[in-house]
């Protein structure tokens, strides 16, 4: 349980680092219909790690946010909720930043 609790923030930091290093909205990896596009082609859904990386930048598509944890046990569902909360928090921060610049 502690490992999972630590993994979400670590993935978030890695994703933020990737975005700061030049990533854009396409760096999230998901297209509009929620299909994950991997480096070697296409993956139907992606992974919780990919979803957490998108959430760390506030770019987790709604269709993707609805999927994590649906089939998992309590621990997986908890991790999915943390990913969704992270995405919502970052989106709010982005909105506040944009509102402050307007």
Protein backbone atom coordinates (compact mmCIF):
# COMPACT_ATOMS: atom_id res chain seq x y z
CA UNK A 1 0.00 0.00 0.00
CA UNK A 2 2.81 2.42 0.86
CA UNK A 3 4.50 1.64 -2.45
CA UNK A 4 1.39 2.65 -4.37
CA UNK A 5 1.00 5.79 -2.27
CA UNK A 6 4.55 6.75 -3.20
CA UNK A 7 4.27 5.75 -6.86
CA UNK A 8 1.55 8.25 -7.78
CA UNK A 9 3.57 11.32 -6.66
CA UNK A 10 6.70 9.94 -8.32
CA UNK A 11 4.88 9.41 -11.61
CA UNK A 12 3.42 12.89 -11.27
CA UNK A 13 6.88 14.41 -10.85
CA UNK A 14 8.18 12.50 -13.86
CA UNK A 15 5.26 13.67 -15.97
CA UNK A 16 5.69 17.28 -14.90
CA UNK A 17 9.37 17.02 -15.76
CA UNK A 18 8.52 15.70 -19.21
CA UNK A 19 6.09 18.53 -19.83
CA UNK A 20 8.54 21.16 -18.64
CA UNK A 21 11.13 19.62 -20.93
CA UNK A 22 8.98 20.40 -23.93
CA UNK A 23 5.91 18.19 -23.86
CA UNK A 24 2.60 19.45 -25.17
CA UNK A 25 -0.98 18.19 -25.13
CA UNK A 26 -0.08 15.39 -27.53
CA UNK A 27 2.57 14.17 -25.09
CA UNK A 28 -0.19 12.72 -22.93
CA UNK A 29 -0.53 9.74 -25.25
CA UNK A 30 -4.31 9.48 -25.47
CA UNK A 31 -6.32 10.55 -28.49
CA UNK A 32 -9.81 12.10 -28.31
CA UNK A 33 -11.65 8.77 -28.05
CA UNK A 34 -9.44 7.59 -25.17
CA UNK A 35 -7.27 5.18 -27.14
CA UNK A 36 -3.70 5.16 -25.90
CA UNK A 37 -1.11 5.54 -28.60
CA UNK A 38 2.09 3.84 -27.51
CA UNK A 39 5.50 4.33 -29.10
CA UNK A 40 5.17 1.01 -30.91
CA UNK A 41 1.64 1.55 -32.17
CA UNK A 42 -1.67 1.50 -30.41
CA UNK A 43 -2.84 0.08 -27.10
CA UNK A 44 -6.53 -0.18 -26.35
CA UNK A 45 -6.51 1.53 -22.95
CA UNK A 46 -3.00 2.39 -21.77
CA UNK A 47 -1.94 1.80 -18.18
CA UNK A 48 -2.58 3.32 -14.77
CA UNK A 49 0.92 4.78 -15.03
CA UNK A 50 0.07 6.47 -18.34
CA UNK A 51 -3.16 7.81 -16.85
CA UNK A 52 -1.28 9.14 -13.81
CA UNK A 53 1.23 10.88 -16.07
CA UNK A 54 -1.60 12.61 -17.95
CA UNK A 55 -3.32 13.51 -14.70
CA UNK A 56 -0.13 15.09 -13.40
CA UNK A 57 -0.44 17.59 -16.23
CA UNK A 58 -4.23 17.96 -15.95
CA UNK A 59 -4.76 16.38 -19.35
CA UNK A 60 -6.53 13.14 -18.48
CA UNK A 61 -9.41 12.82 -20.96
CA UNK A 62 -12.82 12.26 -19.36
CA UNK A 63 -13.37 9.01 -21.22
CA UNK A 64 -10.08 7.75 -19.76
CA UNK A 65 -10.85 9.01 -16.25
CA UNK A 66 -13.98 6.85 -16.24
CA UNK A 67 -12.00 3.63 -16.76
CA UNK A 68 -9.29 3.23 -14.08
CA UNK A 69 -10.22 1.03 -11.16
CA UNK A 70 -13.48 -0.26 -12.61
CA UNK A 71 -12.31 -3.87 -12.59
CA UNK A 72 -9.78 -3.65 -9.78
CA UNK A 73 -9.76 -4.45 -6.11
CA UNK A 74 -10.03 -1.85 -3.36
CA UNK A 75 -6.37 -0.85 -3.62
CA UNK A 76 -6.62 -0.32 -7.39
CA UNK A 77 -9.84 1.66 -7.03
CA UNK A 78 -8.15 3.86 -4.41
CA UNK A 79 -5.21 4.50 -6.73
CA UNK A 80 -7.64 5.35 -9.56
CA UNK A 81 -9.42 7.87 -7.33
CA UNK A 82 -6.09 9.48 -6.44
CA UNK A 83 -5.27 9.83 -10.14
CA UNK A 84 -8.63 11.46 -10.82
CA UNK A 85 -8.18 13.85 -7.88
CA UNK A 86 -4.71 14.79 -9.10
CA UNK A 87 -6.07 15.57 -12.58
CA UNK A 88 -8.87 17.74 -11.15
CA UNK A 89 -6.43 19.60 -8.89
CA UNK A 90 -3.99 20.34 -11.71
CA UNK A 91 -6.83 21.45 -14.00
CA UNK A 92 -8.00 23.90 -11.33
CA UNK A 93 -4.44 25.21 -10.95
CA UNK A 94 -4.17 25.69 -14.71
CA UNK A 95 -7.52 27.52 -14.78
CA UNK A 96 -6.41 29.83 -11.95
CA UNK A 97 -3.16 30.53 -13.78
CA UNK A 98 -4.98 31.34 -17.02
CA UNK A 99 -7.48 33.54 -15.19
CA UNK A 100 -4.62 35.42 -13.54
CA UNK A 101 -2.98 36.07 -16.91
CA UNK A 102 -6.17 37.39 -18.53
